[in-house]
């Protein structure tokens, strides 16, 4: 089942960050839909993967999540 995860990444500030965050999330689920809002420092991911796997991948890439939510 697909879920939508909203995550705030305080240290995501530039285009390079956008690419690294997208790459980290796609490493968990290559079919994930990733939408990045640099201005709000938020990322929205539509995926079947659990939030914990996504936040672990982000932290490993240097972008620890400061807040997350799941929308079913």
C-alpha atoms as a PDB file:
ATOM      1  CA  UNK A   1       0.000   0.000   0.000  1.00  0.00           C
ATOM      2  CA  UNK A   2       1.349   3.408  -0.911  1.00  0.00           C
ATOM      3  CA  UNK A   3       1.723   6.030   1.775  1.00  0.00           C
ATOM      4  CA  UNK A   4       2.698   9.673   1.651  1.00  0.00           C
ATOM      5  CA  UNK A   5       5.473  10.700   4.049  1.00  0.00           C
ATOM      6  CA  UNK A   6       6.200  14.378   4.809  1.00  0.00           C
ATOM      7  CA  UNK A   7       9.594  15.034   6.344  1.00  0.00           C
ATOM      8  CA  UNK A   8      11.386  18.209   7.423  1.00  0.00           C
ATOM      9  CA  UNK A   9      15.149  18.304   6.828  1.00  0.00           C
ATOM     10  CA  UNK A  10      16.636  21.391   8.473  1.00  0.00           C
ATOM     11  CA  UNK A  11      20.025  21.121   6.723  1.00  0.00           C
ATOM     12  CA  UNK A  12      18.649  20.706   3.179  1.00  0.00           C
ATOM     13  CA  UNK A  13      19.436  24.073   1.608  1.00  0.00           C
ATOM     14  CA  UNK A  14      20.543  23.758  -2.023  1.00  0.00           C
ATOM     15  CA  UNK A  15      20.207  21.922  -5.320  1.00  0.00           C
ATOM     16  CA  UNK A  16      23.000  19.530  -4.362  1.00  0.00           C
ATOM     17  CA  UNK A  17      21.053  18.677  -1.203  1.00  0.00           C
ATOM     18  CA  UNK A  18      17.963  18.032  -3.312  1.00  0.00           C
ATOM     19  CA  UNK A  19      19.872  15.538  -5.456  1.00  0.00           C
ATOM     20  CA  UNK A  20      21.411  13.736  -2.443  1.00  0.00           C
ATOM     21  CA  UNK A  21      18.075  13.502  -0.643  1.00  0.00           C
ATOM     22  CA  UNK A  22      16.337  12.178  -3.758  1.00  0.00           C
ATOM     23  CA  UNK A  23      19.129   9.641  -4.319  1.00  0.00           C
ATOM     24  CA  UNK A  24      18.953   8.458  -0.702  1.00  0.00           C
ATOM     25  CA  UNK A  25      15.191   7.966  -0.864  1.00  0.00           C
ATOM     26  CA  UNK A  26      15.322   6.233  -4.244  1.00  0.00           C
ATOM     27  CA  UNK A  27      17.928   3.830  -2.843  1.00  0.00           C
ATOM     28  CA  UNK A  28      15.177   2.521  -0.553  1.00  0.00           C
ATOM     29  CA  UNK A  29      12.435   2.529  -3.220  1.00  0.00           C
ATOM     30  CA  UNK A  30      13.449   3.214  -6.839  1.00  0.00           C
ATOM     31  CA  UNK A  31       9.779   3.775  -7.748  1.00  0.00           C
ATOM     32  CA  UNK A  32       9.162   6.353  -5.011  1.00  0.00           C
ATOM     33  CA  UNK A  33       7.763   9.717  -6.002  1.00  0.00           C
ATOM     34  CA  UNK A  34       9.946  12.367  -4.360  1.00  0.00           C
ATOM     35  CA  UNK A  35       8.961  16.052  -4.160  1.00  0.00           C
ATOM     36  CA  UNK A  36      11.429  18.468  -2.576  1.00  0.00           C
ATOM     37  CA  UNK A  37      10.579  21.981  -1.341  1.00  0.00           C
ATOM     38  CA  UNK A  38      13.886  23.694  -0.577  1.00  0.00           C
ATOM     39  CA  UNK A  39      12.223  26.862   0.701  1.00  0.00           C
ATOM     40  CA  UNK A  40      10.359  24.967   3.401  1.00  0.00           C
ATOM     41  CA  UNK A  41      13.108  22.347   3.771  1.00  0.00           C
ATOM     42  CA  UNK A  42      10.537  19.619   3.326  1.00  0.00           C
ATOM     43  CA  UNK A  43      10.347  16.468   1.279  1.00  0.00           C
ATOM     44  CA  UNK A  44       7.218  14.497   0.396  1.00  0.00           C
ATOM     45  CA  UNK A  45       7.639  10.868  -0.592  1.00  0.00           C
ATOM     46  CA  UNK A  46       4.956   8.588  -1.994  1.00  0.00           C
ATOM     47  CA  UNK A  47       6.132   5.024  -1.442  1.00  0.00           C
ATOM     48  CA  UNK A  48       5.293   1.595  -0.076  1.00  0.00           C
ATOM     49  CA  UNK A  49       8.424   1.654   2.107  1.00  0.00           C
ATOM     50  CA  UNK A  50       8.174   2.245   5.861  1.00  0.00           C
ATOM     51  CA  UNK A  51       9.024   5.673   7.217  1.00  0.00           C
ATOM     52  CA  UNK A  52      11.802   4.230   9.391  1.00  0.00           C
ATOM     53  CA  UNK A  53      13.674   2.947   6.325  1.00  0.00           C
ATOM     54  CA  UNK A  54      13.376   6.333   4.643  1.00  0.00           C
ATOM     55  CA  UNK A  55      14.562   8.314   7.662  1.00  0.00           C
ATOM     56  CA  UNK A  56      17.480   5.886   8.142  1.00  0.00           C
ATOM     57  CA  UNK A  57      18.559   6.398   4.514  1.00  0.00           C
ATOM     58  CA  UNK A  58      18.283  10.178   4.913  1.00  0.00           C
ATOM     59  CA  UNK A  59      20.334  10.143   8.122  1.00  0.00           C
ATOM     60  CA  UNK A  60      22.992   7.974   6.458  1.00  0.00           C
ATOM     61  CA  UNK A  61      23.192  10.573   3.665  1.00  0.00           C
ATOM     62  CA  UNK A  62      23.688  13.366   6.229  1.00  0.00           C
ATOM     63  CA  UNK A  63      20.115  14.663   6.373  1.00  0.00           C
ATOM     64  CA  UNK A  64      18.524  13.645   9.670  1.00  0.00           C
ATOM     65  CA  UNK A  65      14.782  14.263   9.797  1.00  0.00           C
ATOM     66  CA  UNK A  66      13.651  16.789  12.389  1.00  0.00           C
ATOM     67  CA  UNK A  67       9.962  15.996  11.921  1.00  0.00           C
ATOM     68  CA  UNK A  68       7.993  13.413   9.954  1.00  0.00           C
ATOM     69  CA  UNK A  69       4.396  12.486   9.350  1.00  0.00           C
ATOM     70  CA  UNK A  70       2.499   9.825   7.439  1.00  0.00           C
ATOM     71  CA  UNK A  71      -0.625  10.501   5.394  1.00  0.00           C
ATOM     72  CA  UNK A  72      -2.591   7.390   4.455  1.00  0.00           C
END
